[in-house]
């Protein structure tokens, strides 16, 4: 499995399911700019980080066999892919 490389970040559009059972948010798919929609295979772990006024919701997910991280910023409502 590929590890996280924090040197490469990219804004993405994410389709997520909010308010589902014990997980308040679960990313289902994401799309890079000009790219095809990519399905999230499995949600591995979630965590929250506080950065000033923002709350950053961090999702470690599997996309096929590749491990990637999606981050959601609660202030500007943006999603970032760390791959």
PDB file of N, CA and C in Angstrom:
ATOM      1  N   UNK A   1       0.822  -1.183   0.000  1.00  0.00           N
ATOM      2  CA  UNK A   1       0.000   0.000   0.000  1.00  0.00           C
ATOM      3  C   UNK A   1       0.866   1.246   0.000  1.00  0.00           C
ATOM      4  N   UNK A   2       0.395   2.240  -0.681  1.00  0.00           N
ATOM      5  CA  UNK A   2       1.107   3.508  -0.778  1.00  0.00           C
ATOM      6  C   UNK A   2       0.895   4.330   0.498  1.00  0.00           C
ATOM      7  N   UNK A   3       1.936   4.979   0.966  1.00  0.00           N
ATOM      8  CA  UNK A   3       1.824   5.832   2.148  1.00  0.00           C
ATOM      9  C   UNK A   3       1.458   7.243   1.742  1.00  0.00           C
ATOM     10  N   UNK A   4       1.066   8.051   2.747  1.00  0.00           N
ATOM     11  CA  UNK A   4       0.696   9.431   2.499  1.00  0.00           C
ATOM     12  C   UNK A   4       1.921  10.241   2.123  1.00  0.00           C
ATOM     13  N   UNK A   5       1.789  11.092   1.123  1.00  0.00           N
ATOM     14  CA  UNK A   5       2.837  12.016   0.731  1.00  0.00           C
ATOM     15  C   UNK A   5       2.267  13.410   0.876  1.00  0.00           C
ATOM     16  N   UNK A   6       2.590  14.071   1.975  1.00  0.00           N
ATOM     17  CA  UNK A   6       1.994  15.378   2.257  1.00  0.00           C
ATOM     18  C   UNK A   6       2.525  16.475   1.350  1.00  0.00           C
ATOM     19  N   UNK A   7       3.489  16.169   0.486  1.00  0.00           N
ATOM     20  CA  UNK A   7       4.014  17.175  -0.436  1.00  0.00           C
ATOM     21  C   UNK A   7       3.055  17.431  -1.585  1.00  0.00           C
ATOM     22  N   UNK A   8       2.152  16.495  -1.864  1.00  0.00           N
ATOM     23  CA  UNK A   8       1.231  16.645  -2.978  1.00  0.00           C
ATOM     24  C   UNK A   8      -0.187  16.808  -2.452  1.00  0.00           C
ATOM     25  N   UNK A   9      -0.705  18.034  -2.525  1.00  0.00           N
ATOM     26  CA  UNK A   9      -2.084  18.286  -2.128  1.00  0.00           C
ATOM     27  C   UNK A   9      -2.826  18.836  -3.328  1.00  0.00           C
ATOM     28  N   UNK A  10      -4.101  18.509  -3.393  1.00  0.00           N
ATOM     29  CA  UNK A  10      -4.913  18.934  -4.534  1.00  0.00           C
ATOM     30  C   UNK A  10      -6.348  19.116  -4.077  1.00  0.00           C
ATOM     31  N   UNK A  11      -6.957  20.243  -4.448  1.00  0.00           N
ATOM     32  CA  UNK A  11      -8.367  20.445  -4.132  1.00  0.00           C
ATOM     33  C   UNK A  11      -9.195  19.495  -4.976  1.00  0.00           C
ATOM     34  N   UNK A  12     -10.219  18.926  -4.352  1.00  0.00           N
ATOM     35  CA  UNK A  12     -11.093  17.983  -5.039  1.00  0.00           C
ATOM     36  C   UNK A  12     -12.545  18.281  -4.679  1.00  0.00           C
ATOM     37  N   UNK A  13     -13.449  17.778  -5.509  1.00  0.00           N
ATOM     38  CA  UNK A  13     -14.879  17.809  -5.219  1.00  0.00           C
ATOM     39  C   UNK A  13     -15.233  16.453  -4.624  1.00  0.00           C
ATOM     40  N   UNK A  14     -15.966  16.458  -3.516  1.00  0.00           N
ATOM     41  CA  UNK A  14     -16.286  15.215  -2.817  1.00  0.00           C
ATOM     42  C   UNK A  14     -17.795  15.069  -2.671  1.00  0.00           C
ATOM     43  N   UNK A  15     -18.280  13.852  -2.910  1.00  0.00           N
ATOM     44  CA  UNK A  15     -19.656  13.516  -2.581  1.00  0.00           C
ATOM     45  C   UNK A  15     -19.576  12.728  -1.277  1.00  0.00           C
ATOM     46  N   UNK A  16     -20.255  13.229  -0.249  1.00  0.00           N
ATOM     47  CA  UNK A  16     -20.178  12.598   1.067  1.00  0.00           C
ATOM     48  C   UNK A  16     -21.570  12.381   1.626  1.00  0.00           C
ATOM     49  N   UNK A  17     -21.653  11.405   2.495  1.00  0.00           N
ATOM     50  CA  UNK A  17     -22.886  11.089   3.191  1.00  0.00           C
ATOM     51  C   UNK A  17     -22.765  11.658   4.603  1.00  0.00           C
ATOM     52  N   UNK A  18     -23.662  12.570   4.969  1.00  0.00           N
ATOM     53  CA  UNK A  18     -23.611  13.212   6.277  1.00  0.00           C
ATOM     54  C   UNK A  18     -24.682  12.636   7.195  1.00  0.00           C
ATOM     55  N   UNK A  19     -24.328  12.478   8.477  1.00  0.00           N
ATOM     56  CA  UNK A  19     -25.279  12.026   9.479  1.00  0.00           C
ATOM     57  C   UNK A  19     -25.684  10.580   9.354  1.00  0.00           C
ATOM     58  N   UNK A  20     -24.735   9.702   9.072  1.00  0.00           N
ATOM     59  CA  UNK A  20     -25.028   8.288   8.888  1.00  0.00           C
ATOM     60  C   UNK A  20     -24.531   7.501  10.096  1.00  0.00           C
ATOM     61  N   UNK A  21     -25.416   6.912  10.855  1.00  0.00           N
ATOM     62  CA  UNK A  21     -25.127   6.083  12.029  1.00  0.00           C
ATOM     63  C   UNK A  21     -24.119   6.768  12.953  1.00  0.00           C
ATOM     64  N   UNK A  22     -23.043   6.094  13.287  1.00  0.00           N
ATOM     65  CA  UNK A  22     -22.050   6.628  14.229  1.00  0.00           C
ATOM     66  C   UNK A  22     -21.006   7.500  13.538  1.00  0.00           C
ATOM     67  N   UNK A  23     -20.978   7.510  12.218  1.00  0.00           N
ATOM     68  CA  UNK A  23     -20.040   8.339  11.473  1.00  0.00           C
ATOM     69  C   UNK A  23     -20.790   9.561  10.963  1.00  0.00           C
ATOM     70  N   UNK A  24     -20.476  10.768  11.497  1.00  0.00           N
ATOM     71  CA  UNK A  24     -21.220  11.955  11.076  1.00  0.00           C
ATOM     72  C   UNK A  24     -21.002  12.342   9.618  1.00  0.00           C
ATOM     73  N   UNK A  25     -19.870  11.941   9.031  1.00  0.00           N
ATOM     74  CA  UNK A  25     -19.594  12.228   7.622  1.00  0.00           C
ATOM     75  C   UNK A  25     -18.757  11.098   7.047  1.00  0.00           C
ATOM     76  N   UNK A  26     -19.117  10.662   5.848  1.00  0.00           N
ATOM     77  CA  UNK A  26     -18.374   9.605   5.171  1.00  0.00           C
ATOM     78  C   UNK A  26     -18.233   9.955   3.699  1.00  0.00           C
ATOM     79  N   UNK A  27     -16.982  10.215   3.223  1.00  0.00           N
ATOM     80  CA  UNK A  27     -16.797  10.483   1.797  1.00  0.00           C
ATOM     81  C   UNK A  27     -17.074   9.225   0.968  1.00  0.00           C
ATOM     82  N   UNK A  28     -17.834   9.392  -0.119  1.00  0.00           N
ATOM     83  CA  UNK A  28     -18.188   8.267  -0.981  1.00  0.00           C
ATOM     84  C   UNK A  28     -17.393   8.263  -2.276  1.00  0.00           C
ATOM     85  N   UNK A  29     -17.275   9.432  -2.902  1.00  0.00           N
ATOM     86  CA  UNK A  29     -16.508   9.575  -4.144  1.00  0.00           C
ATOM     87  C   UNK A  29     -15.830  10.933  -4.137  1.00  0.00           C
ATOM     88  N   UNK A  30     -14.818  11.081  -5.003  1.00  0.00           N
ATOM     89  CA  UNK A  30     -14.203  12.386  -5.204  1.00  0.00           C
ATOM     90  C   UNK A  30     -13.763  12.514  -6.646  1.00  0.00           C
ATOM     91  N   UNK A  31     -13.572  13.768  -7.053  1.00  0.00           N
ATOM     92  CA  UNK A  31     -13.182  14.057  -8.436  1.00  0.00           C
ATOM     93  C   UNK A  31     -12.108  15.136  -8.427  1.00  0.00           C
ATOM     94  N   UNK A  32     -10.979  14.818  -9.078  1.00  0.00           N
ATOM     95  CA  UNK A  32      -9.938  15.822  -9.267  1.00  0.00           C
ATOM     96  C   UNK A  32     -10.367  16.757 -10.386  1.00  0.00           C
ATOM     97  N   UNK A  33      -9.781  17.933 -10.450  1.00  0.00           N
ATOM     98  CA  UNK A  33     -10.121  18.895 -11.496  1.00  0.00           C
ATOM     99  C   UNK A  33      -9.883  18.269 -12.873  1.00  0.00           C
ATOM    100  N   UNK A  34     -10.933  18.219 -13.663  1.00  0.00           N
ATOM    101  CA  UNK A  34     -10.842  17.664 -15.013  1.00  0.00           C
ATOM    102  C   UNK A  34     -10.719  16.153 -15.064  1.00  0.00           C
ATOM    103  N   UNK A  35     -10.841  15.483 -13.928  1.00  0.00           N
ATOM    104  CA  UNK A  35     -10.670  14.034 -13.897  1.00  0.00           C
ATOM    105  C   UNK A  35     -11.979  13.294 -13.733  1.00  0.00           C
ATOM    106  N   UNK A  36     -11.874  11.991 -13.748  1.00  0.00           N
ATOM    107  CA  UNK A  36     -13.039  11.126 -13.584  1.00  0.00           C
ATOM    108  C   UNK A  36     -13.361  10.970 -12.097  1.00  0.00           C
ATOM    109  N   UNK A  37     -14.588  10.582 -11.827  1.00  0.00           N
ATOM    110  CA  UNK A  37     -15.008  10.344 -10.451  1.00  0.00           C
ATOM    111  C   UNK A  37     -14.344   9.070  -9.931  1.00  0.00           C
ATOM    112  N   UNK A  38     -13.832   9.135  -8.690  1.00  0.00           N
ATOM    113  CA  UNK A  38     -13.132   8.017  -8.069  1.00  0.00           C
ATOM    114  C   UNK A  38     -13.936   7.566  -6.855  1.00  0.00           C
ATOM    115  N   UNK A  39     -14.196   6.273  -6.754  1.00  0.00           N
ATOM    116  CA  UNK A  39     -14.985   5.738  -5.643  1.00  0.00           C
ATOM    117  C   UNK A  39     -14.090   5.399  -4.454  1.00  0.00           C
ATOM    118  N   UNK A  40     -14.521   5.795  -3.265  1.00  0.00           N
ATOM    119  CA  UNK A  40     -13.840   5.428  -2.030  1.00  0.00           C
ATOM    120  C   UNK A  40     -14.255   3.999  -1.699  1.00  0.00           C
ATOM    121  N   UNK A  41     -13.275   3.111  -1.604  1.00  0.00           N
ATOM    122  CA  UNK A  41     -13.534   1.699  -1.355  1.00  0.00           C
ATOM    123  C   UNK A  41     -13.850   1.424   0.108  1.00  0.00           C
ATOM    124  N   UNK A  42     -13.079   2.074   0.998  1.00  0.00           N
ATOM    125  CA  UNK A  42     -13.246   1.809   2.427  1.00  0.00           C
ATOM    126  C   UNK A  42     -12.804   3.010   3.246  1.00  0.00           C
ATOM    127  N   UNK A  43     -13.542   3.320   4.295  1.00  0.00           N
ATOM    128  CA  UNK A  43     -13.166   4.351   5.253  1.00  0.00           C
ATOM    129  C   UNK A  43     -12.341   3.674   6.339  1.00  0.00           C
ATOM    130  N   UNK A  44     -11.064   4.077   6.466  1.00  0.00           N
ATOM    131  CA  UNK A  44     -10.171   3.437   7.426  1.00  0.00           C
ATOM    132  C   UNK A  44     -10.199   4.100   8.798  1.00  0.00           C
ATOM    133  N   UNK A  45     -10.144   5.448   8.805  1.00  0.00           N
ATOM    134  CA  UNK A  45     -10.034   6.164  10.074  1.00  0.00           C
ATOM    135  C   UNK A  45     -10.465   7.605   9.879  1.00  0.00           C
ATOM    136  N   UNK A  46     -11.008   8.191  10.928  1.00  0.00           N
ATOM    137  CA  UNK A  46     -11.343   9.613  10.909  1.00  0.00           C
ATOM    138  C   UNK A  46     -10.727  10.273  12.138  1.00  0.00           C
ATOM    139  N   UNK A  47     -10.405  11.547  12.001  1.00  0.00           N
ATOM    140  CA  UNK A  47      -9.914  12.321  13.126  1.00  0.00           C
ATOM    141  C   UNK A  47     -10.210  13.793  12.880  1.00  0.00           C
ATOM    142  N   UNK A  48     -10.102  14.584  13.924  1.00  0.00           N
ATOM    143  CA  UNK A  48     -10.372  16.014  13.840  1.00  0.00           C
ATOM    144  C   UNK A  48      -9.154  16.767  14.346  1.00  0.00           C
ATOM    145  N   UNK A  49      -8.813  17.852  13.629  1.00  0.00           N
ATOM    146  CA  UNK A  49      -7.713  18.729  14.036  1.00  0.00           C
ATOM    147  C   UNK A  49      -8.241  20.153  14.052  1.00  0.00           C
ATOM    148  N   UNK A  50      -7.892  20.904  15.070  1.00  0.00           N
ATOM    149  CA  UNK A  50      -8.322  22.295  15.182  1.00  0.00           C
ATOM    150  C   UNK A  50      -7.179  23.192  14.724  1.00  0.00           C
ATOM    151  N   UNK A  51      -7.489  24.120  13.807  1.00  0.00           N
ATOM    152  CA  UNK A  51      -6.495  25.045  13.250  1.00  0.00           C
ATOM    153  C   UNK A  51      -7.095  26.446  13.284  1.00  0.00           C
ATOM    154  N   UNK A  52      -6.828  27.174  14.360  1.00  0.00           N
ATOM    155  CA  UNK A  52      -7.412  28.509  14.501  1.00  0.00           C
ATOM    156  C   UNK A  52      -8.918  28.399  14.617  1.00  0.00           C
ATOM    157  N   UNK A  53      -9.634  29.108  13.768  1.00  0.00           N
ATOM    158  CA  UNK A  53     -11.100  29.065  13.765  1.00  0.00           C
ATOM    159  C   UNK A  53     -11.647  27.827  13.055  1.00  0.00           C
ATOM    160  N   UNK A  54     -10.804  27.171  12.280  1.00  0.00           N
ATOM    161  CA  UNK A  54     -11.264  26.041  11.464  1.00  0.00           C
ATOM    162  C   UNK A  54     -11.152  24.717  12.212  1.00  0.00           C
ATOM    163  N   UNK A  55     -12.049  23.835  11.863  1.00  0.00           N
ATOM    164  CA  UNK A  55     -11.951  22.441  12.268  1.00  0.00           C
ATOM    165  C   UNK A  55     -11.669  21.654  10.994  1.00  0.00           C
ATOM    166  N   UNK A  56     -10.592  20.886  11.010  1.00  0.00           N
ATOM    167  CA  UNK A  56     -10.216  20.078   9.858  1.00  0.00           C
ATOM    168  C   UNK A  56     -10.620  18.633  10.146  1.00  0.00           C
ATOM    169  N   UNK A  57     -11.505  18.114   9.319  1.00  0.00           N
ATOM    170  CA  UNK A  57     -11.946  16.725   9.454  1.00  0.00           C
ATOM    171  C   UNK A  57     -11.091  15.892   8.499  1.00  0.00           C
ATOM    172  N   UNK A  58     -10.414  14.893   9.039  1.00  0.00           N
ATOM    173  CA  UNK A  58      -9.443  14.100   8.284  1.00  0.00           C
ATOM    174  C   UNK A  58      -9.988  12.687   8.094  1.00  0.00           C
ATOM    175  N   UNK A  59      -9.961  12.223   6.853  1.00  0.00           N
ATOM    176  CA  UNK A  59     -10.472  10.897   6.503  1.00  0.00           C
ATOM    177  C   UNK A  59      -9.370  10.111   5.807  1.00  0.00           C
ATOM    178  N   UNK A  60      -8.919   9.027   6.416  1.00  0.00           N
ATOM    179  CA  UNK A  60      -7.997   8.094   5.774  1.00  0.00           C
ATOM    180  C   UNK A  60      -8.859   7.044   5.095  1.00  0.00           C
ATOM    181  N   UNK A  61      -8.695   6.912   3.778  1.00  0.00           N
ATOM    182  CA  UNK A  61      -9.555   6.018   3.003  1.00  0.00           C
ATOM    183  C   UNK A  61      -8.734   5.165   2.054  1.00  0.00           C
ATOM    184  N   UNK A  62      -9.350   4.089   1.587  1.00  0.00           N
ATOM    185  CA  UNK A  62      -8.777   3.261   0.530  1.00  0.00           C
ATOM    186  C   UNK A  62      -9.508   3.558  -0.763  1.00  0.00           C
ATOM    187  N   UNK A  63      -8.732   3.684  -1.827  1.00  0.00           N
ATOM    188  CA  UNK A  63      -9.245   3.814  -3.180  1.00  0.00           C
ATOM    189  C   UNK A  63      -8.616   2.653  -3.936  1.00  0.00           C
ATOM    190  N   UNK A  64      -9.366   1.569  -4.089  1.00  0.00           N
ATOM    191  CA  UNK A  64      -8.773   0.335  -4.609  1.00  0.00           C
ATOM    192  C   UNK A  64      -7.789  -0.174  -3.570  1.00  0.00           C
ATOM    193  N   UNK A  65      -6.504  -0.247  -3.925  1.00  0.00           N
ATOM    194  CA  UNK A  65      -5.453  -0.667  -2.993  1.00  0.00           C
ATOM    195  C   UNK A  65      -4.624   0.506  -2.501  1.00  0.00           C
ATOM    196  N   UNK A  66      -4.952   1.710  -2.950  1.00  0.00           N
ATOM    197  CA  UNK A  66      -4.177   2.901  -2.593  1.00  0.00           C
ATOM    198  C   UNK A  66      -4.768   3.599  -1.378  1.00  0.00           C
ATOM    199  N   UNK A  67      -3.915   3.921  -0.417  1.00  0.00           N
ATOM    200  CA  UNK A  67      -4.324   4.623   0.791  1.00  0.00           C
ATOM    201  C   UNK A  67      -4.124   6.115   0.572  1.00  0.00           C
ATOM    202  N   UNK A  68      -5.206   6.891   0.731  1.00  0.00           N
ATOM    203  CA  UNK A  68      -5.135   8.345   0.546  1.00  0.00           C
ATOM    204  C   UNK A  68      -5.835   9.033   1.720  1.00  0.00           C
ATOM    205  N   UNK A  69      -5.620  10.329   1.817  1.00  0.00           N
ATOM    206  CA  UNK A  69      -6.230  11.119   2.881  1.00  0.00           C
ATOM    207  C   UNK A  69      -7.025  12.259   2.265  1.00  0.00           C
ATOM    208  N   UNK A  70      -8.252  12.418   2.743  1.00  0.00           N
ATOM    209  CA  UNK A  70      -9.100  13.545   2.371  1.00  0.00           C
ATOM    210  C   UNK A  70      -9.281  14.413   3.607  1.00  0.00           C
ATOM    211  N   UNK A  71      -9.183  15.734   3.427  1.00  0.00           N
ATOM    212  CA  UNK A  71      -9.369  16.662   4.531  1.00  0.00           C
ATOM    213  C   UNK A  71     -10.463  17.664   4.159  1.00  0.00           C
ATOM    214  N   UNK A  72     -11.369  17.902   5.117  1.00  0.00           N
ATOM    215  CA  UNK A  72     -12.459  18.843   4.933  1.00  0.00           C
ATOM    216  C   UNK A  72     -12.270  20.011   5.890  1.00  0.00           C
ATOM    217  N   UNK A  73     -12.259  21.242   5.350  1.00  0.00           N
ATOM    218  CA  UNK A  73     -12.101  22.455   6.148  1.00  0.00           C
ATOM    219  C   UNK A  73     -13.491  23.009   6.456  1.00  0.00           C
ATOM    220  N   UNK A  74     -13.807  23.140   7.745  1.00  0.00           N
ATOM    221  CA  UNK A  74     -15.149  23.559   8.148  1.00  0.00           C
ATOM    222  C   UNK A  74     -15.426  25.042   7.915  1.00  0.00           C
ATOM    223  N   UNK A  75     -14.389  25.853   7.715  1.00  0.00           N
ATOM    224  CA  UNK A  75     -14.593  27.292   7.505  1.00  0.00           C
ATOM    225  C   UNK A  75     -14.910  27.595   6.048  1.00  0.00           C
ATOM    226  N   UNK A  76     -14.040  27.154   5.131  1.00  0.00           N
ATOM    227  CA  UNK A  76     -14.277  27.469   3.717  1.00  0.00           C
ATOM    228  C   UNK A  76     -14.967  26.319   2.962  1.00  0.00           C
ATOM    229  N   UNK A  77     -15.298  25.238   3.681  1.00  0.00           N
ATOM    230  CA  UNK A  77     -16.018  24.086   3.131  1.00  0.00           C
ATOM    231  C   UNK A  77     -15.313  23.453   1.938  1.00  0.00           C
ATOM    232  N   UNK A  78     -13.986  23.455   1.980  1.00  0.00           N
ATOM    233  CA  UNK A  78     -13.201  22.880   0.880  1.00  0.00           C
ATOM    234  C   UNK A  78     -12.675  21.498   1.273  1.00  0.00           C
ATOM    235  N   UNK A  79     -12.469  20.683   0.258  1.00  0.00           N
ATOM    236  CA  UNK A  79     -11.882  19.354   0.423  1.00  0.00           C
ATOM    237  C   UNK A  79     -10.515  19.349  -0.249  1.00  0.00           C
ATOM    238  N   UNK A  80      -9.541  18.684   0.396  1.00  0.00           N
ATOM    239  CA  UNK A  80      -8.193  18.560  -0.141  1.00  0.00           C
ATOM    240  C   UNK A  80      -7.822  17.070  -0.125  1.00  0.00           C
ATOM    241  N   UNK A  81      -7.197  16.621  -1.203  1.00  0.00           N
ATOM    242  CA  UNK A  81      -6.697  15.252  -1.322  1.00  0.00           C
ATOM    243  C   UNK A  81      -5.208  15.257  -1.069  1.00  0.00           C
ATOM    244  N   UNK A  82      -4.762  14.407  -0.161  1.00  0.00           N
ATOM    245  CA  UNK A  82      -3.340  14.182   0.069  1.00  0.00           C
ATOM    246  C   UNK A  82      -3.047  12.778  -0.409  1.00  0.00           C
ATOM    247  N   UNK A  83      -2.286  12.649  -1.483  1.00  0.00           N
ATOM    248  CA  UNK A  83      -2.049  11.323  -2.058  1.00  0.00           C
ATOM    249  C   UNK A  83      -0.575  11.053  -2.204  1.00  0.00           C
TER     250      UNK A  83
END
